[in-house]
Amino acid sequence: MSGGSRRVLVFSGNMLNDIDDEHVVTMEVIEHAVPLSVATGAGGWVRYTWLDHVPKESLTRQVGEVPEELMQRLSTRLFMVIATD
């Protein structure tokens, strides 16, 4: 990812609904597997414990949509990490 750009998955879950409307919660999308990541099925991995919140206006282009099954898996794993911490 050259030029300082990065890929993120925009995540909105009810447990994180106290973020104002100008921001979104994101998870980092990476090219190689690391601990606490989930395969996207499209050659990438989502680091579900690397949450950030960014202004919506800082997002550039949408490159795809995440299948519902993957979002459910991410939500479940994130909840398990939060609940067992």
Protein backbone atom coordinates (compact mmCIF):
# COMPACT_ATOMS: atom_id res chain seq x y z
CA MET A 1 0.00 0.00 0.00
CA SER A 2 2.04 2.84 -1.27
CA GLY A 3 1.51 6.54 -0.82
CA GLY A 4 0.46 6.28 2.81
CA SER A 5 -2.96 4.85 1.96
CA ARG A 6 -4.44 2.03 3.96
CA ARG A 7 -7.44 -0.23 3.67
CA VAL A 8 -9.99 -0.43 6.42
CA LEU A 9 -13.26 -2.18 7.03
CA VAL A 10 -15.96 0.20 8.24
CA PHE A 11 -17.54 -1.50 11.24
CA SER A 12 -20.65 -0.39 13.05
CA GLY A 13 -21.89 -2.49 15.90
CA ASN A 14 -24.40 -1.71 18.61
CA MET A 15 -21.72 -2.02 21.28
CA LEU A 16 -19.93 0.96 19.71
CA ASN A 17 -22.87 3.27 19.13
CA ASP A 18 -21.64 6.15 21.30
CA ILE A 19 -19.44 7.53 18.51
CA ASP A 20 -20.80 10.70 16.95
CA ASP A 21 -22.29 10.68 13.45
CA GLU A 22 -19.26 12.32 11.83
CA HIS A 23 -17.05 9.33 12.65
CA VAL A 24 -17.03 5.62 11.85
CA VAL A 25 -15.36 2.71 13.60
CA THR A 26 -12.82 0.90 11.43
CA MET A 27 -10.80 -2.32 11.49
CA GLU A 28 -7.51 -2.56 9.62
CA VAL A 29 -7.35 -4.74 6.48
CA ILE A 30 -3.93 -6.30 5.90
CA GLU A 31 -2.32 -8.59 3.33
CA HIS A 32 -0.93 -11.32 5.64
CA ALA A 33 -2.35 -13.33 8.53
CA VAL A 34 -1.46 -12.22 12.05
CA PRO A 35 -2.81 -13.35 15.43
CA LEU A 36 -6.36 -12.11 16.04
CA SER A 37 -7.20 -11.66 12.38
CA VAL A 38 -9.90 -13.18 10.15
CA ALA A 39 -9.50 -14.10 6.47
CA THR A 40 -11.70 -12.05 4.15
CA GLY A 41 -11.83 -14.70 1.44
CA ALA A 42 -10.50 -12.15 -1.05
CA GLY A 43 -6.83 -12.52 -0.17
CA GLY A 44 -6.86 -10.14 2.78
CA TRP A 45 -7.15 -10.33 6.55
CA VAL A 46 -9.05 -8.12 9.00
CA ARG A 47 -7.39 -7.29 12.33
CA TYR A 48 -10.51 -7.27 14.46
CA THR A 49 -8.79 -6.03 17.63
CA TRP A 50 -7.26 -2.98 15.91
CA LEU A 51 -10.25 -0.68 16.21
CA ASP A 52 -10.00 2.98 15.32
CA HIS A 53 -12.47 5.74 14.69
CA VAL A 54 -11.99 8.16 11.83
CA PRO A 55 -13.96 11.05 10.36
CA LYS A 56 -16.28 9.86 7.59
CA GLU A 57 -14.91 12.61 5.35
CA SER A 58 -11.41 11.06 5.50
CA LEU A 59 -12.60 7.90 3.74
CA THR A 60 -11.99 7.87 0.02
CA ARG A 61 -13.37 5.16 -2.21
CA GLN A 62 -15.31 2.04 -1.37
CA VAL A 63 -13.63 -1.02 -2.84
CA GLY A 64 -16.15 -3.68 -1.90
CA GLU A 65 -18.69 -5.03 0.52
CA VAL A 66 -18.18 -7.60 3.25
CA PRO A 67 -20.40 -10.69 3.27
CA GLU A 68 -22.78 -10.94 6.23
CA GLU A 69 -21.15 -14.20 7.38
CA LEU A 70 -17.77 -12.47 7.70
CA MET A 71 -19.29 -9.57 9.64
CA GLN A 72 -20.95 -12.03 12.02
CA ARG A 73 -17.65 -13.83 12.56
CA LEU A 74 -15.84 -10.52 13.20
CA SER A 75 -18.52 -9.37 15.64
CA THR A 76 -18.44 -12.68 17.52
CA ARG A 77 -14.66 -12.71 17.84
CA LEU A 78 -14.53 -9.05 18.86
CA PHE A 79 -17.18 -9.69 21.52
CA MET A 80 -15.23 -12.71 22.83
CA VAL A 81 -12.07 -10.60 23.15
CA ILE A 82 -13.93 -7.81 24.95
CA ALA A 83 -15.78 -10.24 27.23
CA THR A 84 -12.66 -12.17 28.26
CA ASP A 85 -10.31 -9.25 28.78
